[in-house]
Amino acid sequence: MAGLLGKKLGMSNVFTQDGNRVPVTMIEVGPCKITNIRTVEKDGYSALQLGFGEKKESKTTKPVLGYFKKNNLTISRTLREFRIDDSSSYKIGDELTAAFFVEGEKIKVRGLSKGKGFQGVMKRHGFGGVGGTTHGQSDRLRAPGSIGASSYPSRVFKGQRMAGRKGYESVTVRNLKVVKIVPEKNLILVKGAVPGSINSIVELHK
């Protein structure tokens, strides 16, 4: 198994035995149910499809609803696939919990970063602005300035940094240490920050 699905609950801190304070992110991991199994013979690759959370029947499409009822599964709100080397030891309906991880090991966490909406070049790319108030400007302090050349090449280069949508992108943070596991509450405390807002879905990989 490569990883599990979880929900970011927020940040806190714990104290080590020598009195040092460690900032941690609390993640509710699982329980995740195996909703489908991909095999090399049928699909060309080996993976497990995991489901996390619950969803109402009224908000589920008929094909998906039929599949879950056929396998006697509760409808999952989020589905993700995790590649594995061998899926023969698993079966549909198996439940995976936070006990999958071990305290002290390092994992990587992937999630969607916070969306900031449409932002200017200073906030989005760290531009310094144009000129200053001493040059008689009143409305161009946070502008990007010139975006291209004059006579040649008479166009704007591809990839030019401009204003636009900031955030809400897939971000992966590696080498996060598992500080503590609370199996009865399906909680994992990892050192440092993980991407995403509170209650957002994250992937935890070995």
C-alpha atoms as a PDB file:
ATOM      1  CA  MET A   1       0.000   0.000   0.000  1.00  0.00           C
ATOM      2  CA  ALA A   2       1.303   3.416  -0.937  1.00  0.00           C
ATOM      3  CA  GLY A   3      -0.873   5.614   1.270  1.00  0.00           C
ATOM      4  CA  LEU A   4      -4.246   6.658   2.674  1.00  0.00           C
ATOM      5  CA  LEU A   5      -6.744   9.509   2.477  1.00  0.00           C
ATOM      6  CA  GLY A   6      -7.353  11.933   5.304  1.00  0.00           C
ATOM      7  CA  LYS A   7      -8.914  15.225   6.336  1.00  0.00           C
ATOM      8  CA  LYS A   8      -6.872  18.163   7.607  1.00  0.00           C
ATOM      9  CA  LEU A   9      -8.272  19.273  10.974  1.00  0.00           C
ATOM     10  CA  GLY A  10      -5.904  22.137  11.758  1.00  0.00           C
ATOM     11  CA  MET A  11      -2.649  22.838  13.575  1.00  0.00           C
ATOM     12  CA  SER A  12      -1.588  22.418  17.178  1.00  0.00           C
ATOM     13  CA  ASN A  13       1.627  21.685  19.068  1.00  0.00           C
ATOM     14  CA  VAL A  14       3.074  18.954  21.253  1.00  0.00           C
ATOM     15  CA  PHE A  15       5.952  18.967  23.720  1.00  0.00           C
ATOM     16  CA  THR A  16       8.836  16.523  23.619  1.00  0.00           C
ATOM     17  CA  GLN A  17      10.310  14.894  26.721  1.00  0.00           C
ATOM     18  CA  ASP A  18      13.103  17.465  26.821  1.00  0.00           C
ATOM     19  CA  GLY A  19      10.593  20.336  26.799  1.00  0.00           C
ATOM     20  CA  ASN A  20      10.799  21.450  23.171  1.00  0.00           C
ATOM     21  CA  ARG A  21       7.585  22.581  21.484  1.00  0.00           C
ATOM     22  CA  VAL A  22       6.888  20.958  18.101  1.00  0.00           C
ATOM     23  CA  PRO A  23       4.250  22.442  15.749  1.00  0.00           C
ATOM     24  CA  VAL A  24       2.070  19.695  14.271  1.00  0.00           C
ATOM     25  CA  THR A  25      -0.814  19.320  11.841  1.00  0.00           C
ATOM     26  CA  MET A  26      -3.695  17.086  12.929  1.00  0.00           C
ATOM     27  CA  ILE A  27      -5.026  14.828  10.178  1.00  0.00           C
ATOM     28  CA  GLU A  28      -7.997  12.487  10.479  1.00  0.00           C
ATOM     29  CA  VAL A  29      -6.806   9.477   8.482  1.00  0.00           C
ATOM     30  CA  GLY A  30      -9.435   6.994   7.370  1.00  0.00           C
ATOM     31  CA  PRO A  31     -10.994   4.701   7.932  1.00  0.00           C
ATOM     32  CA  CYS A  32     -10.636   4.154   4.176  1.00  0.00           C
ATOM     33  CA  LYS A  33     -12.464   1.319   2.459  1.00  0.00           C
ATOM     34  CA  ILE A  34     -11.181  -0.446  -0.625  1.00  0.00           C
ATOM     35  CA  THR A  35     -13.835   0.236  -3.263  1.00  0.00           C
ATOM     36  CA  ASN A  36     -12.053  -1.240  -6.290  1.00  0.00           C
ATOM     37  CA  ILE A  37      -8.934  -3.177  -7.176  1.00  0.00           C
ATOM     38  CA  ARG A  38      -6.967  -2.584 -10.370  1.00  0.00           C
ATOM     39  CA  THR A  39      -4.960  -5.503 -11.725  1.00  0.00           C
ATOM     40  CA  VAL A  40      -2.287  -5.769 -14.390  1.00  0.00           C
ATOM     41  CA  GLU A  41      -4.268  -8.395 -16.298  1.00  0.00           C
ATOM     42  CA  LYS A  42      -7.450  -6.324 -16.525  1.00  0.00           C
ATOM     43  CA  ASP A  43      -6.347  -2.688 -16.249  1.00  0.00           C
ATOM     44  CA  GLY A  44      -2.663  -2.767 -17.178  1.00  0.00           C
ATOM     45  CA  TYR A  45      -1.487  -1.618 -13.738  1.00  0.00           C
ATOM     46  CA  SER A  46      -1.860  -2.588 -10.098  1.00  0.00           C
ATOM     47  CA  ALA A  47      -3.598  -0.204  -7.696  1.00  0.00           C
ATOM     48  CA  LEU A  48      -6.199   0.124  -4.975  1.00  0.00           C
ATOM     49  CA  GLN A  49      -9.087   2.558  -5.162  1.00  0.00           C
ATOM     50  CA  LEU A  50      -9.849   3.918  -1.694  1.00  0.00           C
ATOM     51  CA  GLY A  51     -12.994   5.679  -0.520  1.00  0.00           C
ATOM     52  CA  PHE A  52     -13.127   8.229   2.289  1.00  0.00           C
ATOM     53  CA  GLY A  53     -16.112   9.907   3.939  1.00  0.00           C
ATOM     54  CA  GLU A  54     -19.798   9.351   3.217  1.00  0.00           C
ATOM     55  CA  LYS A  55     -22.147  10.784   0.618  1.00  0.00           C
ATOM     56  CA  LYS A  56     -25.934  10.920   0.273  1.00  0.00           C
ATOM     57  CA  GLU A  57     -27.642   8.739  -2.329  1.00  0.00           C
ATOM     58  CA  SER A  58     -29.526  11.772  -3.647  1.00  0.00           C
ATOM     59  CA  LYS A  59     -26.205  13.418  -4.580  1.00  0.00           C
ATOM     60  CA  THR A  60     -24.732  10.367  -6.307  1.00  0.00           C
ATOM     61  CA  THR A  61     -25.053   9.464  -9.987  1.00  0.00           C
ATOM     62  CA  LYS A  62     -26.880   6.236 -10.825  1.00  0.00           C
ATOM     63  CA  PRO A  63     -23.862   4.366 -12.278  1.00  0.00           C
ATOM     64  CA  VAL A  64     -21.765   5.083  -9.179  1.00  0.00           C
ATOM     65  CA  LEU A  65     -24.681   4.303  -6.871  1.00  0.00           C
ATOM     66  CA  GLY A  66     -25.239   0.978  -8.638  1.00  0.00           C
ATOM     67  CA  TYR A  67     -21.592  -0.007  -8.243  1.00  0.00           C
ATOM     68  CA  PHE A  68     -21.567   0.685  -4.500  1.00  0.00           C
ATOM     69  CA  LYS A  69     -24.841  -1.197  -3.950  1.00  0.00           C
ATOM     70  CA  LYS A  70     -23.596  -4.136  -6.002  1.00  0.00           C
ATOM     71  CA  ASN A  71     -20.592  -4.493  -3.667  1.00  0.00           C
ATOM     72  CA  ASN A  72     -22.577  -3.728  -0.479  1.00  0.00           C
ATOM     73  CA  LEU A  73     -20.524  -0.601   0.244  1.00  0.00           C
ATOM     74  CA  THR A  74     -21.470   2.734   1.756  1.00  0.00           C
ATOM     75  CA  ILE A  75     -21.159   5.568  -0.764  1.00  0.00           C
ATOM     76  CA  SER A  76     -17.808   7.314  -0.426  1.00  0.00           C
ATOM     77  CA  ARG A  77     -17.504  11.073  -0.820  1.00  0.00           C
ATOM     78  CA  THR A  78     -13.904  10.967  -2.080  1.00  0.00           C
ATOM     79  CA  LEU A  79     -12.230   8.327  -4.241  1.00  0.00           C
ATOM     80  CA  ARG A  80      -8.503   8.059  -4.968  1.00  0.00           C
ATOM     81  CA  GLU A  81      -6.233   5.424  -6.460  1.00  0.00           C
ATOM     82  CA  PHE A  82      -2.931   4.365  -4.906  1.00  0.00           C
ATOM     83  CA  ARG A  83      -0.449   2.325  -6.933  1.00  0.00           C
ATOM     84  CA  ILE A  84       0.906  -0.850  -5.307  1.00  0.00           C
ATOM     85  CA  ASP A  85       3.163  -3.678  -6.427  1.00  0.00           C
ATOM     86  CA  ASP A  86       0.825  -6.533  -5.534  1.00  0.00           C
ATOM     87  CA  SER A  87      -2.931  -6.314  -4.865  1.00  0.00           C
ATOM     88  CA  SER A  88      -3.562 -10.029  -4.349  1.00  0.00           C
ATOM     89  CA  SER A  89      -3.656  -9.749  -0.542  1.00  0.00           C
ATOM     90  CA  TYR A  90      -6.514  -7.206  -0.567  1.00  0.00           C
ATOM     91  CA  LYS A  91     -10.215  -7.512  -1.334  1.00  0.00           C
ATOM     92  CA  ILE A  92     -13.060  -5.053  -1.913  1.00  0.00           C
ATOM     93  CA  GLY A  93     -14.568  -3.895   1.375  1.00  0.00           C
ATOM     94  CA  ASP A  94     -11.369  -4.107   3.446  1.00  0.00           C
ATOM     95  CA  GLU A  95     -10.914  -1.187   5.825  1.00  0.00           C
ATOM     96  CA  LEU A  96      -7.613   0.610   6.322  1.00  0.00           C
ATOM     97  CA  THR A  97      -6.954   2.829   9.337  1.00  0.00           C
ATOM     98  CA  ALA A  98      -4.293   5.132  10.788  1.00  0.00           C
ATOM     99  CA  ALA A  99      -2.488   2.070  12.153  1.00  0.00           C
ATOM    100  CA  PHE A 100      -1.053   1.754   8.640  1.00  0.00           C
ATOM    101  CA  PHE A 101       1.544   4.382   9.614  1.00  0.00           C
ATOM    102  CA  VAL A 102       4.232   4.194  12.297  1.00  0.00           C
ATOM    103  CA  GLU A 103       5.356   6.909  14.707  1.00  0.00           C
ATOM    104  CA  GLY A 104       8.704   8.363  13.725  1.00  0.00           C
ATOM    105  CA  GLU A 105       8.550   7.520  10.019  1.00  0.00           C
ATOM    106  CA  LYS A 106       8.615  10.187   7.314  1.00  0.00           C
ATOM    107  CA  ILE A 107       5.777  10.567   4.836  1.00  0.00           C
ATOM    108  CA  LYS A 108       4.724  12.941   2.077  1.00  0.00           C
ATOM    109  CA  VAL A 109       1.384  14.753   2.056  1.00  0.00           C
ATOM    110  CA  ARG A 110      -0.372  16.032  -1.050  1.00  0.00           C
ATOM    111  CA  GLY A 111      -3.303  18.446  -1.086  1.00  0.00           C
ATOM    112  CA  LEU A 112      -4.836  21.475  -2.791  1.00  0.00           C
ATOM    113  CA  SER A 113      -3.358  24.759  -1.608  1.00  0.00           C
ATOM    114  CA  LYS A 114      -5.638  27.557  -0.407  1.00  0.00           C
ATOM    115  CA  GLY A 115      -7.256  29.490  -3.250  1.00  0.00           C
ATOM    116  CA  LYS A 116      -6.472  33.221  -3.189  1.00  0.00           C
ATOM    117  CA  GLY A 117      -8.529  34.226  -6.228  1.00  0.00           C
ATOM    118  CA  PHE A 118      -7.355  36.759  -8.821  1.00  0.00           C
ATOM    119  CA  GLN A 119      -4.259  38.566  -7.527  1.00  0.00           C
ATOM    120  CA  GLY A 120      -1.862  41.183  -8.854  1.00  0.00           C
ATOM    121  CA  VAL A 121       1.796  40.669  -9.698  1.00  0.00           C
ATOM    122  CA  MET A 122       3.107  41.880  -6.320  1.00  0.00           C
ATOM    123  CA  LYS A 123       1.191  39.321  -4.288  1.00  0.00           C
ATOM    124  CA  ARG A 124       1.316  36.564  -6.898  1.00  0.00           C
ATOM    125  CA  HIS A 125       4.973  36.811  -7.970  1.00  0.00           C
ATOM    126  CA  GLY A 126       6.613  39.189  -5.500  1.00  0.00           C
ATOM    127  CA  PHE A 127       7.168  42.071  -7.926  1.00  0.00           C
ATOM    128  CA  GLY A 128       8.475  45.303  -6.444  1.00  0.00           C
ATOM    129  CA  GLY A 129       6.012  47.644  -8.144  1.00  0.00           C
ATOM    130  CA  VAL A 130       6.760  50.550 -10.452  1.00  0.00           C
ATOM    131  CA  GLY A 131       8.588  53.699  -9.315  1.00  0.00           C
ATOM    132  CA  GLY A 132       7.266  55.304  -6.165  1.00  0.00           C
ATOM    133  CA  THR A 133       5.250  58.227  -4.842  1.00  0.00           C
ATOM    134  CA  THR A 134       8.186  60.599  -5.344  1.00  0.00           C
ATOM    135  CA  HIS A 135       7.798  60.304  -9.126  1.00  0.00           C
ATOM    136  CA  GLY A 136       4.385  61.936  -9.191  1.00  0.00           C
ATOM    137  CA  GLN A 137       2.470  58.668  -9.584  1.00  0.00           C
ATOM    138  CA  SER A 138      -0.789  58.099  -7.797  1.00  0.00           C
ATOM    139  CA  ASP A 139      -2.236  54.942  -9.350  1.00  0.00           C
ATOM    140  CA  ARG A 140       0.719  52.887 -10.687  1.00  0.00           C
ATOM    141  CA  LEU A 141       2.476  51.821  -7.470  1.00  0.00           C
ATOM    142  CA  ARG A 142       1.564  48.127  -7.671  1.00  0.00           C
ATOM    143  CA  ALA A 143       1.697  47.765 -11.455  1.00  0.00           C
ATOM    144  CA  PRO A 144       3.888  45.237 -13.322  1.00  0.00           C
ATOM    145  CA  GLY A 145       5.511  47.808 -15.600  1.00  0.00           C
ATOM    146  CA  SER A 146       6.472  46.984 -19.181  1.00  0.00           C
ATOM    147  CA  ILE A 147       5.624  43.424 -20.225  1.00  0.00           C
ATOM    148  CA  GLY A 148       7.426  43.282 -23.555  1.00  0.00           C
ATOM    149  CA  ALA A 149       9.866  44.821 -25.974  1.00  0.00           C
ATOM    150  CA  SER A 150       9.166  47.565 -28.504  1.00  0.00           C
ATOM    151  CA  SER A 151       9.977  47.012 -32.173  1.00  0.00           C
ATOM    152  CA  TYR A 152      11.405  43.535 -31.717  1.00  0.00           C
ATOM    153  CA  PRO A 153       9.961  41.005 -31.145  1.00  0.00           C
ATOM    154  CA  SER A 154       6.802  43.155 -30.894  1.00  0.00           C
ATOM    155  CA  ARG A 155       5.036  40.602 -28.753  1.00  0.00           C
ATOM    156  CA  VAL A 156       4.828  39.317 -25.203  1.00  0.00           C
ATOM    157  CA  PHE A 157       6.870  36.195 -24.488  1.00  0.00           C
ATOM    158  CA  LYS A 158       5.070  33.030 -23.431  1.00  0.00           C
ATOM    159  CA  GLY A 159       5.175  32.474 -19.695  1.00  0.00           C
ATOM    160  CA  GLN A 160       5.422  36.178 -18.851  1.00  0.00           C
ATOM    161  CA  ARG A 161       4.508  36.595 -15.186  1.00  0.00           C
ATOM    162  CA  MET A 162       1.311  38.601 -14.883  1.00  0.00           C
ATOM    163  CA  ALA A 163      -1.702  38.982 -12.636  1.00  0.00           C
ATOM    164  CA  GLY A 164      -3.964  35.969 -12.438  1.00  0.00           C
ATOM    165  CA  ARG A 165      -5.388  33.223 -10.272  1.00  0.00           C
ATOM    166  CA  LYS A 166      -3.268  32.343  -7.264  1.00  0.00           C
ATOM    167  CA  GLY A 167      -3.396  29.124  -5.257  1.00  0.00           C
ATOM    168  CA  TYR A 168      -5.755  26.125  -5.449  1.00  0.00           C
ATOM    169  CA  GLU A 169      -3.037  23.963  -6.981  1.00  0.00           C
ATOM    170  CA  SER A 170      -1.792  20.494  -6.113  1.00  0.00           C
ATOM    171  CA  VAL A 171       1.083  20.806  -3.630  1.00  0.00           C
ATOM    172  CA  THR A 172       3.201  17.994  -2.197  1.00  0.00           C
ATOM    173  CA  VAL A 173       5.241  18.377   0.991  1.00  0.00           C
ATOM    174  CA  ARG A 174       7.852  15.667   1.543  1.00  0.00           C
ATOM    175  CA  ASN A 175       9.695  14.287   4.567  1.00  0.00           C
ATOM    176  CA  LEU A 176       7.066  15.142   7.181  1.00  0.00           C
ATOM    177  CA  LYS A 177       7.717  13.240  10.378  1.00  0.00           C
ATOM    178  CA  VAL A 178       4.852  11.355  12.040  1.00  0.00           C
ATOM    179  CA  VAL A 179       5.084  12.674  15.602  1.00  0.00           C
ATOM    180  CA  LYS A 180       2.141  10.835  17.150  1.00  0.00           C
ATOM    181  CA  ILE A 181      -0.685   8.451  16.214  1.00  0.00           C
ATOM    182  CA  VAL A 182      -4.003   8.236  18.069  1.00  0.00           C
ATOM    183  CA  PRO A 183      -5.519   5.022  16.626  1.00  0.00           C
ATOM    184  CA  GLU A 184      -8.805   5.141  18.571  1.00  0.00           C
ATOM    185  CA  LYS A 185      -9.595   8.521  16.967  1.00  0.00           C
ATOM    186  CA  ASN A 186      -7.901   7.809  13.611  1.00  0.00           C
ATOM    187  CA  LEU A 187      -5.651  10.810  14.162  1.00  0.00           C
ATOM    188  CA  ILE A 188      -2.125  11.380  12.903  1.00  0.00           C
ATOM    189  CA  LEU A 189       0.019  14.298  14.044  1.00  0.00           C
ATOM    190  CA  VAL A 190       2.728  15.250  11.556  1.00  0.00           C
ATOM    191  CA  LYS A 191       5.470  17.773  12.180  1.00  0.00           C
ATOM    192  CA  GLY A 192       5.025  21.071  10.333  1.00  0.00           C
ATOM    193  CA  ALA A 193       2.361  22.364   7.964  1.00  0.00           C
ATOM    194  CA  VAL A 194       0.535  20.563   5.169  1.00  0.00           C
ATOM    195  CA  PRO A 195      -1.145  22.178   2.142  1.00  0.00           C
ATOM    196  CA  GLY A 196      -4.830  23.002   2.068  1.00  0.00           C
ATOM    197  CA  SER A 197      -7.478  24.625   4.206  1.00  0.00           C
ATOM    198  CA  ILE A 198      -9.129  23.143   7.278  1.00  0.00           C
ATOM    199  CA  ASN A 199     -11.393  20.157   6.453  1.00  0.00           C
ATOM    200  CA  SER A 200      -9.774  19.712   3.039  1.00  0.00           C
ATOM    201  CA  ILE A 201      -8.896  16.235   1.758  1.00  0.00           C
ATOM    202  CA  VAL A 202      -5.216  15.254   1.683  1.00  0.00           C
ATOM    203  CA  GLU A 203      -3.296  12.191   0.512  1.00  0.00           C
ATOM    204  CA  LEU A 204      -0.702  10.637   2.807  1.00  0.00           C
ATOM    205  CA  HIS A 205       1.978   8.578   1.082  1.00  0.00           C
ATOM    206  CA  LYS A 206       4.633   6.308   2.536  1.00  0.00           C
END
